[in-house]
PDB file of all heavy atoms in Angstrom:
ATOM      1  N   GLN A   1     133.363  72.300  90.721  1.00  0.00           N
ATOM      2  CA  GLN A   1     133.082  72.780  92.058  1.00  0.00           C
ATOM      3  C   GLN A   1     131.629  73.187  92.187  1.00  0.00           C
ATOM      4  O   GLN A   1     131.045  73.740  91.240  1.00  0.00           O
ATOM      5  CB  GLN A   1     133.983  73.967  92.391  1.00  0.00           C
ATOM      6  CG  GLN A   1     133.934  74.458  93.816  1.00  0.00           C
ATOM      7  CD  GLN A   1     134.957  75.534  94.095  1.00  0.00           C
ATOM      8  OE1 GLN A   1     135.431  76.191  93.166  1.00  0.00           O
ATOM      9  NE2 GLN A   1     135.298  75.712  95.361  1.00  0.00           N
ATOM     10  N   ARG A   2     131.043  72.927  93.329  1.00  0.00           N
ATOM     11  CA  ARG A   2     129.685  73.366  93.574  1.00  0.00           C
ATOM     12  C   ARG A   2     129.639  74.893  93.662  1.00  0.00           C
ATOM     13  O   ARG A   2     130.488  75.521  94.294  1.00  0.00           O
ATOM     14  CB  ARG A   2     129.169  72.744  94.878  1.00  0.00           C
ATOM     15  CG  ARG A   2     127.694  72.958  95.128  1.00  0.00           C
ATOM     16  CD  ARG A   2     127.203  72.165  96.340  1.00  0.00           C
ATOM     17  NE  ARG A   2     127.409  70.729  96.171  1.00  0.00           N
ATOM     18  CZ  ARG A   2     126.987  69.803  97.040  1.00  0.00           C
ATOM     19  NH1 ARG A   2     126.331  70.160  98.121  1.00  0.00           N
ATOM     20  NH2 ARG A   2     127.224  68.514  96.781  1.00  0.00           N
ATOM     21  N   GLU A   3     128.629  75.490  93.055  1.00  0.00           N
ATOM     22  CA  GLU A   3     128.518  76.930  93.023  1.00  0.00           C
ATOM     23  C   GLU A   3     127.115  77.374  93.441  1.00  0.00           C
ATOM     24  O   GLU A   3     126.130  76.701  93.170  1.00  0.00           O
ATOM     25  CB  GLU A   3     128.846  77.493  91.637  1.00  0.00           C
ATOM     26  CG  GLU A   3     127.859  77.097  90.554  1.00  0.00           C
ATOM     27  CD  GLU A   3     128.103  77.790  89.218  1.00  0.00           C
ATOM     28  OE1 GLU A   3     128.911  78.734  89.172  1.00  0.00           O
ATOM     29  OE2 GLU A   3     127.504  77.358  88.212  1.00  0.00           O
ATOM     30  N   LEU A   4     127.079  78.529  94.095  1.00  0.00           N
ATOM     31  CA  LEU A   4     125.801  79.142  94.408  1.00  0.00           C
ATOM     32  C   LEU A   4     125.173  79.674  93.150  1.00  0.00           C
ATOM     33  O   LEU A   4     125.826  80.347  92.356  1.00  0.00           O
ATOM     34  CB  LEU A   4     126.012  80.273  95.409  1.00  0.00           C
ATOM     35  CG  LEU A   4     124.769  81.113  95.736  1.00  0.00           C
ATOM     36  CD1 LEU A   4     123.754  80.287  96.521  1.00  0.00           C
ATOM     37  CD2 LEU A   4     125.152  82.360  96.528  1.00  0.00           C
ATOM     38  N   VAL A   5     123.909  79.409  92.951  1.00  0.00           N
ATOM     39  CA  VAL A   5     123.152  79.897  91.811  1.00  0.00           C
ATOM     40  C   VAL A   5     122.342  81.123  92.209  1.00  0.00           C
ATOM     41  O   VAL A   5     122.430  82.182  91.584  1.00  0.00           O
ATOM     42  CB  VAL A   5     122.222  78.818  91.226  1.00  0.00           C
ATOM     43  CG1 VAL A   5     121.416  79.379  90.074  1.00  0.00           C
ATOM     44  CG2 VAL A   5     123.039  77.610  90.786  1.00  0.00           C
ATOM     45  N   GLU A   6     121.542  80.972  93.260  1.00  0.00           N
ATOM     46  CA  GLU A   6     120.684  82.063  93.695  1.00  0.00           C
ATOM     47  C   GLU A   6     120.308  81.819  95.150  1.00  0.00           C
ATOM     48  O   GLU A   6     120.149  80.683  95.573  1.00  0.00           O
ATOM     49  CB  GLU A   6     119.446  82.163  92.804  1.00  0.00           C
ATOM     50  CG  GLU A   6     118.727  83.495  92.874  1.00  0.00           C
ATOM     51  CD  GLU A   6     117.846  83.770  91.643  1.00  0.00           C
ATOM     52  OE1 GLU A   6     117.780  82.928  90.753  1.00  0.00           O
ATOM     53  OE2 GLU A   6     117.210  84.838  91.619  1.00  0.00           O
ATOM     54  N   ALA A   7     120.149  82.899  95.918  1.00  0.00           N
ATOM     55  CA  ALA A   7     119.797  82.804  97.324  1.00  0.00           C
ATOM     56  C   ALA A   7     118.714  83.809  97.654  1.00  0.00           C
ATOM     57  O   ALA A   7     118.563  84.829  96.961  1.00  0.00           O
ATOM     58  CB  ALA A   7     121.026  83.042  98.204  1.00  0.00           C
ATOM     59  N   ILE A   8     117.979  83.544  98.725  1.00  0.00           N
ATOM     60  CA  ILE A   8     116.893  84.407  99.140  1.00  0.00           C
ATOM     61  C   ILE A   8     116.819  84.446 100.663  1.00  0.00           C
ATOM     62  O   ILE A   8     116.925  83.417 101.328  1.00  0.00           O
ATOM     63  CB  ILE A   8     115.557  83.925  98.522  1.00  0.00           C
ATOM     64  CG1 ILE A   8     114.415  84.898  98.856  1.00  0.00           C
ATOM     65  CG2 ILE A   8     115.232  82.502  98.962  1.00  0.00           C
ATOM     66  CD1 ILE A   8     113.156  84.650  98.055  1.00  0.00           C
ATOM     67  N   THR A   9     116.689  85.636 101.210  1.00  0.00           N
ATOM     68  CA  THR A   9     116.566  85.804 102.655  1.00  0.00           C
ATOM     69  C   THR A   9     115.141  85.508 103.093  1.00  0.00           C
ATOM     70  O   THR A   9     114.219  85.379 102.278  1.00  0.00           O
ATOM     71  CB  THR A   9     116.946  87.216 103.095  1.00  0.00           C
ATOM     72  OG1 THR A   9     115.945  88.145 102.610  1.00  0.00           O
ATOM     73  CG2 THR A   9     118.294  87.616 102.549  1.00  0.00           C
ATOM     74  N   GLY A  10     114.947  85.436 104.403  1.00  0.00           N
ATOM     75  CA  GLY A  10     113.610  85.222 104.936  1.00  0.00           C
ATOM     76  C   GLY A  10     112.644  86.322 104.538  1.00  0.00           C
ATOM     77  O   GLY A  10     111.441  86.066 104.389  1.00  0.00           O
ATOM     78  N   GLY A  11     113.166  87.524 104.348  1.00  0.00           N
ATOM     79  CA  GLY A  11     112.353  88.657 103.953  1.00  0.00           C
ATOM     80  C   GLY A  11     112.142  88.808 102.465  1.00  0.00           C
ATOM     81  O   GLY A  11     111.408  89.710 102.045  1.00  0.00           O
ATOM     82  N   GLY A  12     112.792  87.959 101.664  1.00  0.00           N
ATOM     83  CA  GLY A  12     112.570  87.976 100.222  1.00  0.00           C
ATOM     84  C   GLY A  12     113.634  88.677  99.399  1.00  0.00           C
ATOM     85  O   GLY A  12     113.473  88.771  98.172  1.00  0.00           O
ATOM     86  N   THR A  13     114.704  89.162 100.010  1.00  0.00           N
ATOM     87  CA  THR A  13     115.799  89.739  99.258  1.00  0.00           C
ATOM     88  C   THR A  13     116.583  88.635  98.555  1.00  0.00           C
ATOM     89  O   THR A  13     116.902  87.600  99.162  1.00  0.00           O
ATOM     90  CB  THR A  13     116.743  90.534 100.176  1.00  0.00           C
ATOM     91  OG1 THR A  13     116.002  91.565 100.831  1.00  0.00           O
ATOM     92  CG2 THR A  13     117.885  91.160  99.378  1.00  0.00           C
ATOM     93  N   THR A  14     116.926  88.849  97.287  1.00  0.00           N
ATOM     94  CA  THR A  14     117.582  87.806  96.492  1.00  0.00           C
ATOM     95  C   THR A  14     118.910  88.276  95.937  1.00  0.00           C
ATOM     96  O   THR A  14     119.149  89.479  95.791  1.00  0.00           O
ATOM     97  CB  THR A  14     116.689  87.355  95.335  1.00  0.00           C
ATOM     98  OG1 THR A  14     116.462  88.457  94.445  1.00  0.00           O
ATOM     99  CG2 THR A  14     115.347  86.843  95.833  1.00  0.00           C
ATOM    100  N   ASN A  15     119.770  87.317  95.619  1.00  0.00           N
ATOM    101  CA  ASN A  15     120.959  87.574  94.814  1.00  0.00           C
ATOM    102  C   ASN A  15     121.203  86.369  93.928  1.00  0.00           C
ATOM    103  O   ASN A  15     120.673  85.282  94.176  1.00  0.00           O
ATOM    104  CB  ASN A  15     122.185  87.926  95.665  1.00  0.00           C
ATOM    105  CG  ASN A  15     122.539  86.876  96.684  1.00  0.00           C
ATOM    106  OD1 ASN A  15     122.712  85.706  96.359  1.00  0.00           O
ATOM    107  ND2 ASN A  15     122.685  87.303  97.945  1.00  0.00           N
ATOM    108  N   TYR A  16     122.042  86.544  92.895  1.00  0.00           N
ATOM    109  CA  TYR A  16     122.198  85.505  91.910  1.00  0.00           C
ATOM    110  C   TYR A  16     123.508  85.718  91.185  1.00  0.00           C
ATOM    111  O   TYR A  16     124.090  86.802  91.194  1.00  0.00           O
ATOM    112  CB  TYR A  16     121.032  85.542  90.904  1.00  0.00           C
ATOM    113  CG  TYR A  16     120.737  86.923  90.378  1.00  0.00           C
ATOM    114  CD1 TYR A  16     121.450  87.455  89.298  1.00  0.00           C
ATOM    115  CD2 TYR A  16     119.738  87.711  90.965  1.00  0.00           C
ATOM    116  CE1 TYR A  16     121.192  88.732  88.840  1.00  0.00           C
ATOM    117  CE2 TYR A  16     119.482  88.979  90.505  1.00  0.00           C
ATOM    118  CZ  TYR A  16     120.185  89.483  89.436  1.00  0.00           C
ATOM    119  OH  TYR A  16     119.939  90.759  88.963  1.00  0.00           O
ATOM    120  N   ILE A  17     123.966  84.684  90.483  1.00  0.00           N
ATOM    121  CA  ILE A  17     125.174  84.791  89.688  1.00  0.00           C
ATOM    122  C   ILE A  17     124.811  85.330  88.314  1.00  0.00           C
ATOM    123  O   ILE A  17     123.680  85.170  87.827  1.00  0.00           O
ATOM    124  CB  ILE A  17     125.908  83.442  89.558  1.00  0.00           C
ATOM    125  CG1 ILE A  17     124.980  82.351  89.003  1.00  0.00           C
ATOM    126  CG2 ILE A  17     126.462  83.038  90.900  1.00  0.00           C
ATOM    127  CD1 ILE A  17     125.673  81.034  88.713  1.00  0.00           C
ATOM    128  N   ASP A  18     125.785  85.978  87.659  1.00  0.00           N
ATOM    129  CA  ASP A  18     125.531  86.653  86.411  1.00  0.00           C
ATOM    130  C   ASP A  18     125.055  85.704  85.317  1.00  0.00           C
ATOM    131  O   ASP A  18     124.257  86.098  84.450  1.00  0.00           O
ATOM    132  CB  ASP A  18     126.789  87.386  85.925  1.00  0.00           C
ATOM    133  CG  ASP A  18     127.111  88.607  86.754  1.00  0.00           C
ATOM    134  OD1 ASP A  18     126.194  89.128  87.455  1.00  0.00           O
ATOM    135  OD2 ASP A  18     128.271  89.076  86.712  1.00  0.00           O
ATOM    136  N   SER A  19     125.506  84.473  85.330  1.00  0.00           N
ATOM    137  CA  SER A  19     125.185  83.540  84.262  1.00  0.00           C
ATOM    138  C   SER A  19     123.704  83.162  84.216  1.00  0.00           C
ATOM    139  O   SER A  19     123.244  82.661  83.193  1.00  0.00           O
ATOM    140  CB  SER A  19     126.042  82.276  84.348  1.00  0.00           C
ATOM    141  OG  SER A  19     125.780  81.581  85.581  1.00  0.00           O
ATOM    142  N   VAL A  20     122.977  83.401  85.284  1.00  0.00           N
ATOM    143  CA  VAL A  20     121.544  83.060  85.289  1.00  0.00           C
ATOM    144  C   VAL A  20     120.656  84.306  85.324  1.00  0.00           C
ATOM    145  O   VAL A  20     119.424  84.178  85.359  1.00  0.00           O
ATOM    146  CB  VAL A  20     121.163  82.126  86.481  1.00  0.00           C
ATOM    147  CG1 VAL A  20     122.064  80.905  86.463  1.00  0.00           C
ATOM    148  CG2 VAL A  20     121.251  82.847  87.799  1.00  0.00           C
ATOM    149  N   LYS A  21     121.240  85.476  85.284  1.00  0.00           N
ATOM    150  CA  LYS A  21     120.465  86.710  85.325  1.00  0.00           C
ATOM    151  C   LYS A  21     119.453  86.757  84.180  1.00  0.00           C
ATOM    152  O   LYS A  21     119.796  86.508  83.021  1.00  0.00           O
ATOM    153  CB  LYS A  21     121.406  87.909  85.224  1.00  0.00           C
ATOM    154  CG  LYS A  21     120.695  89.251  85.302  1.00  0.00           C
ATOM    155  CD  LYS A  21     121.682  90.396  85.190  1.00  0.00           C
ATOM    156  CE  LYS A  21     120.965  91.760  85.243  1.00  0.00           C
ATOM    157  NZ  LYS A  21     121.926  92.881  85.122  1.00  0.00           N
ATOM    158  N   GLY A  22     118.220  87.047  84.508  1.00  0.00           N
ATOM    159  CA  GLY A  22     117.164  87.139  83.520  1.00  0.00           C
ATOM    160  C   GLY A  22     116.591  85.801  83.115  1.00  0.00           C
ATOM    161  O   GLY A  22     115.618  85.759  82.348  1.00  0.00           O
ATOM    162  N   ARG A  23     117.135  84.704  83.635  1.00  0.00           N
ATOM    163  CA  ARG A  23     116.645  83.382  83.265  1.00  0.00           C
ATOM    164  C   ARG A  23     116.104  82.598  84.462  1.00  0.00           C
ATOM    165  O   ARG A  23     115.108  81.897  84.335  1.00  0.00           O
ATOM    166  CB  ARG A  23     117.768  82.562  82.626  1.00  0.00           C
ATOM    167  CG  ARG A  23     118.298  83.167  81.335  1.00  0.00           C
ATOM    168  CD  ARG A  23     119.217  82.200  80.587  1.00  0.00           C
ATOM    169  NE  ARG A  23     120.381  81.813  81.391  1.00  0.00           N
ATOM    170  CZ  ARG A  23     120.653  80.569  81.760  1.00  0.00           C
ATOM    171  NH1 ARG A  23     119.856  79.574  81.415  1.00  0.00           N
ATOM    172  NH2 ARG A  23     121.743  80.301  82.482  1.00  0.00           N
ATOM    173  N   PHE A  24     116.769  82.719  85.616  1.00  0.00           N
ATOM    174  CA  PHE A  24     116.386  81.979  86.812  1.00  0.00           C
ATOM    175  C   PHE A  24     115.793  82.932  87.843  1.00  0.00           C
ATOM    176  O   PHE A  24     116.269  84.077  88.003  1.00  0.00           O
ATOM    177  CB  PHE A  24     117.580  81.281  87.446  1.00  0.00           C
ATOM    178  CG  PHE A  24     118.151  80.130  86.661  1.00  0.00           C
ATOM    179  CD1 PHE A  24     117.771  79.876  85.344  1.00  0.00           C
ATOM    180  CD2 PHE A  24     119.094  79.303  87.244  1.00  0.00           C
ATOM    181  CE1 PHE A  24     118.291  78.834  84.639  1.00  0.00           C
ATOM    182  CE2 PHE A  24     119.635  78.241  86.546  1.00  0.00           C
ATOM    183  CZ  PHE A  24     119.235  77.995  85.233  1.00  0.00           C
ATOM    184  N   THR A  25     114.823  82.469  88.591  1.00  0.00           N
ATOM    185  CA  THR A  25     114.219  83.257  89.653  1.00  0.00           C
ATOM    186  C   THR A  25     113.969  82.383  90.874  1.00  0.00           C
ATOM    187  O   THR A  25     113.305  81.347  90.790  1.00  0.00           O
ATOM    188  CB  THR A  25     112.863  83.860  89.206  1.00  0.00           C
ATOM    189  OG1 THR A  25     113.055  84.677  88.027  1.00  0.00           O
ATOM    190  CG2 THR A  25     112.302  84.739  90.312  1.00  0.00           C
ATOM    191  N   ILE A  26     114.503  82.798  92.007  1.00  0.00           N
ATOM    192  CA  ILE A  26     114.259  82.110  93.264  1.00  0.00           C
ATOM    193  C   ILE A  26     113.088  82.756  93.995  1.00  0.00           C
ATOM    194  O   ILE A  26     112.905  83.986  93.909  1.00  0.00           O
ATOM    195  CB  ILE A  26     115.526  82.095  94.148  1.00  0.00           C
ATOM    196  CG1 ILE A  26     115.362  81.103  95.307  1.00  0.00           C
ATOM    197  CG2 ILE A  26     115.864  83.489  94.658  1.00  0.00           C
ATOM    198  CD1 ILE A  26     116.647  80.875  96.096  1.00  0.00           C
ATOM    199  N   SER A  27     112.303  81.968  94.659  1.00  0.00           N
ATOM    200  CA  SER A  27     111.193  82.487  95.437  1.00  0.00           C
ATOM    201  C   SER A  27     110.948  81.541  96.614  1.00  0.00           C
ATOM    202  O   SER A  27     111.467  80.424  96.639  1.00  0.00           O
ATOM    203  CB  SER A  27     109.940  82.641  94.586  1.00  0.00           C
ATOM    204  OG  SER A  27     109.502  81.393  94.071  1.00  0.00           O
TER     205      SER A  27
END
């Protein structure tokens, strides 16, 4: 299944899944 990895709002607020914490960064 397709899964969300990381998202970012227009203002720069981010969220991410636990499996990529500390490794992936969205900008």
